[in-house]
Amino acid sequence: MDRIAPHAARASLGRAGEDAAAALYARRGFRIVARNWRCALGELDLIVEREGTFIFCEVKARRGDGFGGGYEAVTARKQRKLRQLAEVFVATVPVPHGNLRFDVASVHVGTSGTSVELFEDAF
């Protein structure tokens, strides 16, 4: 029986978390602008928009609670990095003047399904 390499398992978990968060935003009437947007500085997981408000969402997925909730991994350092990435995004992608917001999606992927806890305007 083949085992999945740890990095492949993490990537699969990350994709599942991003899929769940994107689906939640779509159900709430948001337009998906970009997923896994990259530049030399790093990556933004999910960018969505509704009524002129652009949301930069950091998605953190977990299979268990041994390391705490996913939202706990978004430290002050990570927040600074996400703000920098958003500045680059806004400078390179035409974004109409409007509000910007930073959310964190804490996703739990378990045997009984996937749940998303969305922290709006997290920082």
Protein backbone atom coordinates (compact mmCIF):
# COMPACT_ATOMS: atom_id res chain seq x y z
CA MET A 1 0.00 0.00 0.00
CA ASP A 2 1.42 3.38 -1.02
CA ARG A 3 1.66 6.12 1.57
CA ILE A 4 1.06 9.74 0.72
CA ALA A 5 4.12 11.92 1.23
CA PRO A 6 3.66 14.44 4.06
CA HIS A 7 3.99 17.46 1.74
CA ALA A 8 1.36 16.00 -0.60
CA ALA A 9 -0.98 15.36 2.33
CA ARG A 10 -0.53 18.97 3.52
CA ALA A 11 -1.17 20.29 0.02
CA SER A 12 -4.32 18.18 -0.24
CA LEU A 13 -5.53 19.44 3.15
CA GLY A 14 -4.78 23.03 2.09
CA ARG A 15 -6.76 22.62 -1.13
CA ALA A 16 -9.69 21.12 0.77
CA GLY A 17 -9.63 24.07 3.18
CA GLU A 18 -9.47 26.63 0.39
CA ASP A 19 -12.29 24.86 -1.49
CA ALA A 20 -14.47 24.94 1.63
CA ALA A 21 -13.75 28.62 2.32
CA ALA A 22 -14.35 29.60 -1.32
CA ALA A 23 -17.65 27.70 -1.32
CA LEU A 24 -18.75 29.51 1.85
CA TYR A 25 -17.99 32.90 0.34
CA ALA A 26 -19.78 31.94 -2.91
CA ARG A 27 -22.88 30.90 -0.93
CA ARG A 28 -22.80 34.31 0.73
CA GLY A 29 -22.80 36.08 -2.63
CA PHE A 30 -19.11 36.92 -2.97
CA ARG A 31 -17.27 36.77 -6.28
CA ILE A 32 -14.04 34.78 -6.27
CA VAL A 33 -11.38 37.14 -7.64
CA ALA A 34 -8.30 34.94 -7.20
CA ARG A 35 -7.07 31.79 -5.49
CA ASN A 36 -3.43 31.22 -4.60
CA TRP A 37 -2.37 34.57 -6.06
CA ARG A 38 1.44 34.67 -6.05
CA CYS A 39 4.16 37.25 -6.37
CA ALA A 40 7.83 37.34 -5.37
CA LEU A 41 6.83 38.19 -1.79
CA GLY A 42 4.54 35.21 -1.24
CA GLU A 43 0.98 34.00 -1.74
CA LEU A 44 -2.55 35.10 -0.91
CA ASP A 45 -4.85 32.13 -0.42
CA LEU A 46 -8.18 33.62 -1.41
CA ILE A 47 -9.35 37.00 -2.65
CA VAL A 48 -13.08 37.63 -2.89
CA GLU A 49 -15.23 40.68 -3.60
CA ARG A 50 -18.77 41.85 -2.98
CA GLU A 51 -20.23 45.32 -3.43
CA GLY A 52 -16.82 46.94 -3.80
CA THR A 53 -15.27 45.34 -0.72
CA PHE A 54 -12.21 43.21 -1.42
CA ILE A 55 -11.45 40.52 1.15
CA PHE A 56 -8.04 38.93 1.49
CA CYS A 57 -8.62 35.64 3.27
CA GLU A 58 -5.92 33.52 4.88
CA VAL A 59 -7.12 29.92 5.01
CA LYS A 60 -5.79 27.61 7.72
CA ALA A 61 -6.96 24.00 7.62
CA ARG A 62 -6.54 21.36 10.30
CA ARG A 63 -7.50 17.70 10.60
CA GLY A 64 -7.50 17.80 14.39
CA ASP A 65 -7.14 20.23 17.24
CA GLY A 66 -3.75 19.07 18.48
CA PHE A 67 -2.13 22.28 17.25
CA GLY A 68 -5.09 24.52 18.12
CA GLY A 69 -7.45 26.19 15.71
CA GLY A 70 -6.17 27.28 12.35
CA TYR A 71 -6.81 30.92 13.19
CA GLU A 72 -4.18 30.69 15.93
CA ALA A 73 -1.48 30.27 13.27
CA VAL A 74 -2.08 33.78 11.91
CA THR A 75 0.45 35.60 14.05
CA ALA A 76 1.30 39.31 14.02
CA ARG A 77 4.20 38.50 11.68
CA LYS A 78 1.88 36.66 9.28
CA GLN A 79 -0.58 39.57 9.43
CA ARG A 80 2.16 42.01 8.41
CA LYS A 81 3.09 39.72 5.51
CA LEU A 82 -0.54 39.48 4.36
CA ARG A 83 -0.87 43.28 4.42
CA GLN A 84 2.28 43.58 2.30
CA LEU A 85 0.95 41.02 -0.16
CA ALA A 86 -2.37 42.87 -0.38
CA GLU A 87 -0.50 46.11 -1.14
CA VAL A 88 1.30 44.39 -4.02
CA PHE A 89 -1.97 42.90 -5.27
CA VAL A 90 -3.72 46.29 -5.25
CA ALA A 91 -0.73 47.90 -6.99
CA THR A 92 -0.63 45.28 -9.77
CA VAL A 93 -4.27 44.31 -10.28
CA PRO A 94 -6.83 46.99 -11.11
CA VAL A 95 -8.99 47.23 -7.99
CA PRO A 96 -11.75 49.85 -7.91
CA HIS A 97 -11.63 52.15 -4.92
CA GLY A 98 -13.45 50.48 -2.09
CA ASN A 99 -12.94 48.82 1.21
CA LEU A 100 -10.29 46.21 1.95
CA ARG A 101 -10.73 43.60 4.63
CA PHE A 102 -8.65 40.76 6.02
CA ASP A 103 -10.43 37.56 7.04
CA VAL A 104 -9.17 34.27 8.41
CA ALA A 105 -10.94 31.02 7.55
CA SER A 106 -10.27 28.34 10.12
CA VAL A 107 -11.23 25.05 8.50
CA HIS A 108 -11.59 21.70 10.24
CA VAL A 109 -11.51 18.68 7.93
CA GLY A 110 -12.68 15.60 9.80
CA THR A 111 -14.19 12.20 9.24
CA SER A 112 -17.68 13.64 9.71
CA GLY A 113 -17.16 16.45 7.20
CA THR A 114 -15.66 19.87 6.82
CA SER A 115 -16.54 22.96 8.84
CA VAL A 116 -15.45 26.55 8.30
CA GLU A 117 -15.25 29.17 11.02
CA LEU A 118 -14.86 32.55 9.36
CA PHE A 119 -13.25 35.40 11.27
CA GLU A 120 -14.32 38.52 9.38
CA ASP A 121 -12.22 41.67 9.66
CA ALA A 122 -9.76 39.59 11.70
CA PHE A 123 -7.01 42.22 11.71
